[in-house]
């Protein structure tokens, strides 16, 4: 296949991906790990609205091309055609500041089976930003351009390259420069978290500021502060794009991906989600999480408590379970408490 044919293949892939409004599961460090991706994508598939794809937690690129086992650790789905057990594709996200090194690692990820490469310019973590990674590069649009361009040229022509950004680092004063860097770099699509790094995760999200990026001749995906049907509708209207990436809201309400495309009869006047996925239906998935093979029990229990704490914002039953097990370390006791929450 010659270069022209590969370009056409890539464009066909992008056209197919965005033929209808896309719904993505966001990459969230320490939260949407492979086990959580498996659970959430399975729930979405069971509800009849599977995620179009998900993006891995970022893989930090620092000094050399990473060995295969590191990519497999973050994206074990690479062993299975880069898909979760439910068939949801996983794109590989990388983070770093050295263009050539990012390019070489992206190319290797593609050799291992990555169907697309996503570049992280949105992570607000201080430890990441202090090492010139993530959202700090929003103050260096020229570096962003160099990284995306290098990755685009390094990976096979038929494989898409995307970027995820925020609206800026400390403020939005460089939005025009960021938009120009994206435009000139060859990115195939763009995901925007509608806040600056400084604004973190504090409400509100400024969806309307995404609007100006629609001038780019690539698809734009909106992200940030989408917790229910009403938020999703407002976000799409204000951002001027039908494409959404769901983050913390999808962990708090694993049925959110189905809710955002439901009709208004499925949400209350206040915009709160109704019970597409009942608590009793979620119990088996929580137990499956606790029985995950990838981690030891101490880690699994800690990770589960993190999830349960988030579920308390979406399910009243979760609060009762949380109060009973928040100091519990025995996995079997926690599973029993979950099962009892349905009987009670």
Protein backbone atom coordinates (compact mmCIF):
# COMPACT_ATOMS: atom_id res chain seq x y z
CA UNK A 1 0.00 0.00 0.00
CA UNK A 2 1.56 3.32 -1.06
CA UNK A 3 1.53 6.54 0.93
CA UNK A 4 -1.51 7.94 -0.86
CA UNK A 5 -3.49 4.78 -0.21
CA UNK A 6 -2.51 4.82 3.47
CA UNK A 7 -3.62 8.44 3.76
CA UNK A 8 -6.96 7.51 2.25
CA UNK A 9 -7.23 4.56 4.64
CA UNK A 10 -6.63 6.86 7.60
CA UNK A 11 -9.20 9.35 6.38
CA UNK A 12 -11.70 6.56 5.86
CA UNK A 13 -11.04 5.39 9.43
CA UNK A 14 -11.62 8.89 10.81
CA UNK A 15 -14.79 9.32 8.74
CA UNK A 16 -16.11 6.03 10.10
CA UNK A 17 -15.19 6.89 13.70
CA UNK A 18 -17.00 10.21 13.53
CA UNK A 19 -19.90 9.26 11.26
CA UNK A 20 -22.17 9.57 14.30
CA UNK A 21 -21.71 11.40 17.63
CA UNK A 22 -18.93 9.64 19.51
CA UNK A 23 -18.98 8.80 23.20
CA UNK A 24 -15.61 8.10 24.79
CA UNK A 25 -14.45 6.90 28.19
CA UNK A 26 -11.82 9.35 29.41
CA UNK A 27 -8.29 8.46 30.48
CA UNK A 28 -7.95 9.25 34.19
CA UNK A 29 -4.67 8.49 35.92
CA UNK A 30 -5.06 6.03 38.78
CA UNK A 31 -8.76 5.60 38.04
CA UNK A 32 -9.56 4.22 34.58
CA UNK A 33 -6.90 1.54 34.68
CA UNK A 34 -7.32 -1.67 32.65
CA UNK A 35 -9.60 -3.28 35.25
CA UNK A 36 -11.87 -0.23 35.51
CA UNK A 37 -11.94 0.08 31.71
CA UNK A 38 -13.01 -3.55 31.48
CA UNK A 39 -15.85 -3.02 33.97
CA UNK A 40 -17.15 0.29 32.59
CA UNK A 41 -16.97 -0.72 28.93
CA UNK A 42 -18.78 -3.98 29.72
CA UNK A 43 -21.58 -2.10 31.48
CA UNK A 44 -21.93 0.30 28.56
CA UNK A 45 -22.07 -2.57 26.10
CA UNK A 46 -24.66 -4.41 28.19
CA UNK A 47 -26.81 -1.26 28.24
CA UNK A 48 -26.78 -1.15 24.46
CA UNK A 49 -24.67 1.99 24.11
CA UNK A 50 -21.03 0.84 24.02
CA UNK A 51 -18.27 3.42 24.12
CA UNK A 52 -16.91 4.10 20.65
CA UNK A 53 -13.45 3.78 22.17
CA UNK A 54 -11.52 4.55 25.32
CA UNK A 55 -8.07 6.03 25.87
CA UNK A 56 -5.46 4.53 28.16
CA UNK A 57 -4.00 6.25 31.19
CA UNK A 58 -0.99 8.23 30.01
CA UNK A 59 2.30 6.41 29.55
CA UNK A 60 5.11 8.71 30.68
CA UNK A 61 7.94 9.09 28.15
CA UNK A 62 11.19 10.35 29.66
CA UNK A 63 14.59 9.05 28.57
CA UNK A 64 14.33 6.15 26.13
CA UNK A 65 12.03 3.95 24.12
CA UNK A 66 10.09 1.95 26.67
CA UNK A 67 10.23 -1.84 26.60
CA UNK A 68 7.18 -3.76 25.48
CA UNK A 69 6.26 -4.88 28.98
CA UNK A 70 5.64 -1.27 30.05
CA UNK A 71 3.15 -0.72 27.23
CA UNK A 72 1.50 -4.04 28.07
CA UNK A 73 1.28 -3.05 31.74
CA UNK A 74 -0.70 0.10 30.95
CA UNK A 75 -2.55 -1.35 27.96
CA UNK A 76 -2.87 -5.12 28.35
CA UNK A 77 -5.60 -4.89 25.72
CA UNK A 78 -2.73 -4.81 23.19
CA UNK A 79 -2.61 -8.58 23.68
CA UNK A 80 -6.21 -8.76 22.44
CA UNK A 81 -6.35 -6.63 19.29
CA UNK A 82 -6.28 -3.48 21.48
CA UNK A 83 -9.83 -4.11 22.70
CA UNK A 84 -11.45 -4.75 26.06
CA UNK A 85 -13.27 -8.02 26.68
CA UNK A 86 -16.49 -6.33 25.55
CA UNK A 87 -14.89 -5.25 22.28
CA UNK A 88 -14.23 -1.56 23.01
CA UNK A 89 -11.08 -0.29 21.23
CA UNK A 90 -8.34 1.26 23.38
CA UNK A 91 -6.17 4.06 22.04
CA UNK A 92 -2.72 4.51 23.58
CA UNK A 93 -1.99 7.84 25.26
CA UNK A 94 1.57 9.10 25.76
CA UNK A 95 2.90 12.07 27.71
CA UNK A 96 6.25 13.82 27.52
CA UNK A 97 8.10 16.88 26.22
CA UNK A 98 10.84 15.57 23.92
CA UNK A 99 9.44 15.40 20.40
CA UNK A 100 11.77 12.78 18.95
CA UNK A 101 11.50 10.51 21.97
CA UNK A 102 7.71 10.80 21.92
CA UNK A 103 7.76 9.94 18.22
CA UNK A 104 9.93 6.85 18.69
CA UNK A 105 7.74 5.55 21.52
CA UNK A 106 4.57 6.21 19.53
CA UNK A 107 5.96 4.25 16.61
CA UNK A 108 6.82 1.34 18.89
CA UNK A 109 3.34 1.42 20.46
CA UNK A 110 1.95 1.06 16.94
CA UNK A 111 4.23 -1.93 16.32
CA UNK A 112 2.67 -3.50 19.42
CA UNK A 113 -0.81 -2.97 18.02
CA UNK A 114 -1.99 0.50 19.07
CA UNK A 115 -4.87 1.46 16.74
CA UNK A 116 -4.32 5.19 17.43
CA UNK A 117 -1.99 7.43 19.43
CA UNK A 118 -3.29 10.17 21.73
CA UNK A 119 -0.96 12.85 23.12
CA UNK A 120 -1.61 14.26 26.59
CA UNK A 121 -1.40 18.05 26.97
CA UNK A 122 -4.06 18.18 29.67
CA UNK A 123 -2.78 16.48 32.83
CA UNK A 124 -2.84 19.06 35.67
CA UNK A 125 -0.77 17.05 38.20
CA UNK A 126 2.03 19.10 39.77
CA UNK A 127 4.54 16.25 39.61
CA UNK A 128 3.88 15.86 35.89
CA UNK A 129 3.88 19.59 35.12
CA UNK A 130 7.10 20.17 37.07
CA UNK A 131 8.83 17.79 34.65
CA UNK A 132 7.44 19.57 31.56
CA UNK A 133 4.65 17.13 30.93
CA UNK A 134 0.91 17.51 30.46
CA UNK A 135 -0.85 20.85 30.70
CA UNK A 136 2.30 22.93 31.34
CA UNK A 137 3.05 22.56 27.63
CA UNK A 138 -0.05 24.63 26.87
CA UNK A 139 2.27 27.56 27.60
CA UNK A 140 4.59 26.21 24.88
CA UNK A 141 2.45 25.88 21.74
CA UNK A 142 5.59 25.60 19.62
CA UNK A 143 6.61 22.50 21.63
CA UNK A 144 3.13 21.08 21.19
CA UNK A 145 3.47 21.54 17.45
CA UNK A 146 6.87 19.83 17.41
CA UNK A 147 5.61 16.85 19.41
CA UNK A 148 2.44 16.25 17.42
CA UNK A 149 4.26 16.72 14.12
CA UNK A 150 7.05 14.34 15.10
CA UNK A 151 4.59 11.68 16.25
CA UNK A 152 2.48 12.12 13.13
CA UNK A 153 5.52 11.59 10.89
CA UNK A 154 6.84 8.63 12.92
CA UNK A 155 3.77 6.43 13.13
CA UNK A 156 2.39 4.55 10.11
CA UNK A 157 0.44 6.85 7.83
CA UNK A 158 -2.81 4.92 8.24
CA UNK A 159 -2.84 5.24 12.05
CA UNK A 160 -4.57 8.32 13.53
CA UNK A 161 -2.86 10.71 15.94
CA UNK A 162 -4.96 12.83 18.30
CA UNK A 163 -4.33 15.31 21.10
CA UNK A 164 -6.04 16.10 24.40
CA UNK A 165 -5.75 19.60 25.84
CA UNK A 166 -7.20 22.04 28.32
CA UNK A 167 -8.11 25.64 27.51
CA UNK A 168 -4.78 26.85 28.81
CA UNK A 169 -2.37 26.59 31.72
CA UNK A 170 -2.93 29.50 34.09
CA UNK A 171 -5.46 31.25 31.80
CA UNK A 172 -6.87 31.17 28.29
CA UNK A 173 -4.63 33.88 26.82
CA UNK A 174 -2.79 31.45 24.52
CA UNK A 175 -5.83 29.74 23.03
CA UNK A 176 -5.17 31.23 19.58
CA UNK A 177 -1.58 29.97 19.64
CA UNK A 178 -2.68 26.53 20.85
CA UNK A 179 -5.27 26.34 18.11
CA UNK A 180 -2.65 27.29 15.54
CA UNK A 181 -0.26 24.62 16.81
CA UNK A 182 -2.96 21.96 16.55
CA UNK A 183 -3.96 23.17 13.10
CA UNK A 184 -0.43 23.04 11.68
CA UNK A 185 0.70 19.82 13.34
CA UNK A 186 -1.36 17.25 11.48
CA UNK A 187 -3.48 16.04 14.42
CA UNK A 188 -6.46 14.00 13.25
CA UNK A 189 -8.84 15.10 16.02
CA UNK A 190 -8.78 17.04 19.27
CA UNK A 191 -10.30 16.48 22.71
CA UNK A 192 -10.72 19.55 24.93
CA UNK A 193 -11.27 19.60 28.68
CA UNK A 194 -13.13 22.88 29.06
CA UNK A 195 -11.05 24.32 31.90
CA UNK A 196 -7.52 25.58 32.39
CA UNK A 197 -4.97 23.73 34.48
CA UNK A 198 -5.40 26.32 37.24
CA UNK A 199 -9.16 25.75 37.28
CA UNK A 200 -8.50 22.05 37.84
CA UNK A 201 -11.78 20.18 38.30
CA UNK A 202 -13.68 22.97 40.02
CA UNK A 203 -17.10 23.71 38.47
CA UNK A 204 -18.08 25.09 36.10
CA UNK A 205 -16.60 23.85 32.85
CA UNK A 206 -16.46 26.54 30.18
CA UNK A 207 -17.96 24.57 27.31
CA UNK A 208 -18.59 27.68 25.21
CA UNK A 209 -14.84 28.28 24.92
CA UNK A 210 -14.50 25.05 22.95
CA UNK A 211 -16.53 26.66 20.18
CA UNK A 212 -13.57 28.53 18.65
CA UNK A 213 -11.71 25.25 18.02
CA UNK A 214 -14.41 24.17 15.60
CA UNK A 215 -12.66 26.37 13.04
CA UNK A 216 -10.11 23.55 12.78
CA UNK A 217 -10.84 21.16 9.97
CA UNK A 218 -10.82 18.16 12.31
CA UNK A 219 -13.37 16.65 14.72
CA UNK A 220 -13.49 18.21 18.20
CA UNK A 221 -14.54 16.24 21.30
CA UNK A 222 -15.81 18.08 24.39
CA UNK A 223 -14.95 16.99 27.93
CA UNK A 224 -15.47 18.26 31.45
CA UNK A 225 -18.24 18.42 34.09
CA UNK A 226 -20.71 16.13 32.33
CA UNK A 227 -22.65 14.36 35.05
CA UNK A 228 -26.11 13.84 33.52
CA UNK A 229 -28.33 14.18 30.46
CA UNK A 230 -28.86 17.90 30.90
CA UNK A 231 -25.13 18.61 31.21
CA UNK A 232 -24.46 16.61 28.05
CA UNK A 233 -27.07 18.52 26.08
CA UNK A 234 -25.80 21.89 27.32
CA UNK A 235 -22.21 20.93 26.61
CA UNK A 236 -22.92 19.88 23.03
CA UNK A 237 -24.92 23.05 22.40
CA UNK A 238 -22.39 25.45 23.93
CA UNK A 239 -19.32 23.70 22.52
CA UNK A 240 -20.84 23.32 19.08
CA UNK A 241 -19.84 19.67 18.75
CA UNK A 242 -21.84 16.43 19.08
CA UNK A 243 -18.83 14.47 20.36
CA UNK A 244 -18.31 13.86 24.09
CA UNK A 245 -15.67 12.32 26.34
CA UNK A 246 -17.05 11.21 29.72
CA UNK A 247 -14.80 11.17 32.79
CA UNK A 248 -15.63 11.23 36.49
CA UNK A 249 -19.36 11.24 35.74
CA UNK A 250 -19.00 7.89 33.99
CA UNK A 251 -17.31 6.38 37.05
CA UNK A 252 -19.93 7.82 39.41
CA UNK A 253 -22.81 6.68 37.19
CA UNK A 254 -21.60 3.82 34.98
CA UNK A 255 -24.81 4.17 32.96
CA UNK A 256 -24.03 7.79 32.03
CA UNK A 257 -23.05 6.88 28.47
CA UNK A 258 -26.56 5.51 27.93
CA UNK A 259 -28.17 8.40 29.78
CA UNK A 260 -26.65 11.16 27.66
CA UNK A 261 -28.30 9.79 24.54
CA UNK A 262 -31.64 9.01 26.15
CA UNK A 263 -34.70 11.18 25.63
CA UNK A 264 -35.76 13.78 28.18
CA UNK A 265 -38.25 11.38 29.74
CA UNK A 266 -35.30 9.53 31.25
CA UNK A 267 -34.09 12.47 33.31
CA UNK A 268 -35.85 14.51 35.97
CA UNK A 269 -36.68 18.19 35.77
CA UNK A 270 -33.48 18.94 37.68
CA UNK A 271 -31.44 16.99 35.14
CA UNK A 272 -30.65 14.14 37.54
CA UNK A 273 -30.19 10.71 36.00
CA UNK A 274 -32.87 8.14 36.51
CA UNK A 275 -32.02 4.52 37.21
CA UNK A 276 -30.97 3.01 33.90
CA UNK A 277 -28.58 0.85 35.92
CA UNK A 278 -30.02 -0.05 39.31
CA UNK A 279 -27.80 -0.58 42.34
CA UNK A 280 -28.60 -4.28 42.42
CA UNK A 281 -27.48 -4.55 38.81
CA UNK A 282 -24.18 -2.91 39.69
CA UNK A 283 -23.35 -5.31 42.53
CA UNK A 284 -22.00 -8.07 40.27
CA UNK A 285 -19.71 -5.59 38.52
CA UNK A 286 -18.35 -4.33 41.85
CA UNK A 287 -17.65 -7.88 42.99
CA UNK A 288 -15.93 -8.60 39.68
CA UNK A 289 -13.76 -5.53 40.30
CA UNK A 290 -12.84 -6.79 43.78
CA UNK A 291 -11.96 -10.17 42.33
CA UNK A 292 -9.69 -8.68 39.66
CA UNK A 293 -6.60 -10.73 39.02
CA UNK A 294 -4.26 -7.88 38.14
CA UNK A 295 -3.71 -6.57 41.67
CA UNK A 296 -3.17 -7.91 45.16
CA UNK A 297 -5.99 -7.64 47.69
CA UNK A 298 -4.61 -4.58 49.48
CA UNK A 299 -4.41 -2.62 46.25
CA UNK A 300 -7.76 -3.90 45.03
CA UNK A 301 -9.53 -2.93 48.24
CA UNK A 302 -7.98 0.53 48.16
CA UNK A 303 -8.95 1.03 44.53
CA UNK A 304 -12.45 -0.28 45.17
CA UNK A 305 -12.95 2.14 48.05
CA UNK A 306 -11.95 4.96 45.72
CA UNK A 307 -14.64 3.83 43.29
CA UNK A 308 -17.24 3.28 46.02
CA UNK A 309 -16.59 6.78 47.33
CA UNK A 310 -17.41 8.13 43.88
CA UNK A 311 -20.47 5.89 43.59
CA UNK A 312 -21.92 7.54 46.72
CA UNK A 313 -22.56 10.59 44.55
CA UNK A 314 -24.60 8.52 42.13
CA UNK A 315 -26.33 5.93 44.32
CA UNK A 316 -27.82 6.41 47.79
CA UNK A 317 -27.22 2.70 48.49
CA UNK A 318 -23.49 3.23 48.01
CA UNK A 319 -23.43 5.63 50.96
CA UNK A 320 -24.79 2.94 53.28
CA UNK A 321 -22.20 0.42 52.10
CA UNK A 322 -19.46 3.03 52.40
CA UNK A 323 -20.33 3.79 56.02
CA UNK A 324 -20.13 0.10 56.85
CA UNK A 325 -16.85 -0.78 55.14
CA UNK A 326 -14.75 2.39 54.93
CA UNK A 327 -12.25 1.01 57.48
CA UNK A 328 -12.57 -2.60 56.38
CA UNK A 329 -9.54 -4.30 54.79
CA UNK A 330 -10.90 -7.79 54.28
CA UNK A 331 -12.13 -8.24 50.72
CA UNK A 332 -14.53 -11.05 51.63
CA UNK A 333 -16.22 -8.88 54.26
CA UNK A 334 -16.67 -6.09 51.72
CA UNK A 335 -18.21 -8.48 49.21
CA UNK A 336 -20.61 -9.74 51.89
CA UNK A 337 -21.60 -6.15 52.68
CA UNK A 338 -22.32 -5.52 49.01
CA UNK A 339 -24.48 -8.61 48.77
CA UNK A 340 -26.31 -7.64 51.97
CA UNK A 341 -27.04 -4.17 50.57
CA UNK A 342 -29.32 -5.82 48.01
CA UNK A 343 -31.06 -8.10 50.53
CA UNK A 344 -31.66 -5.18 52.85
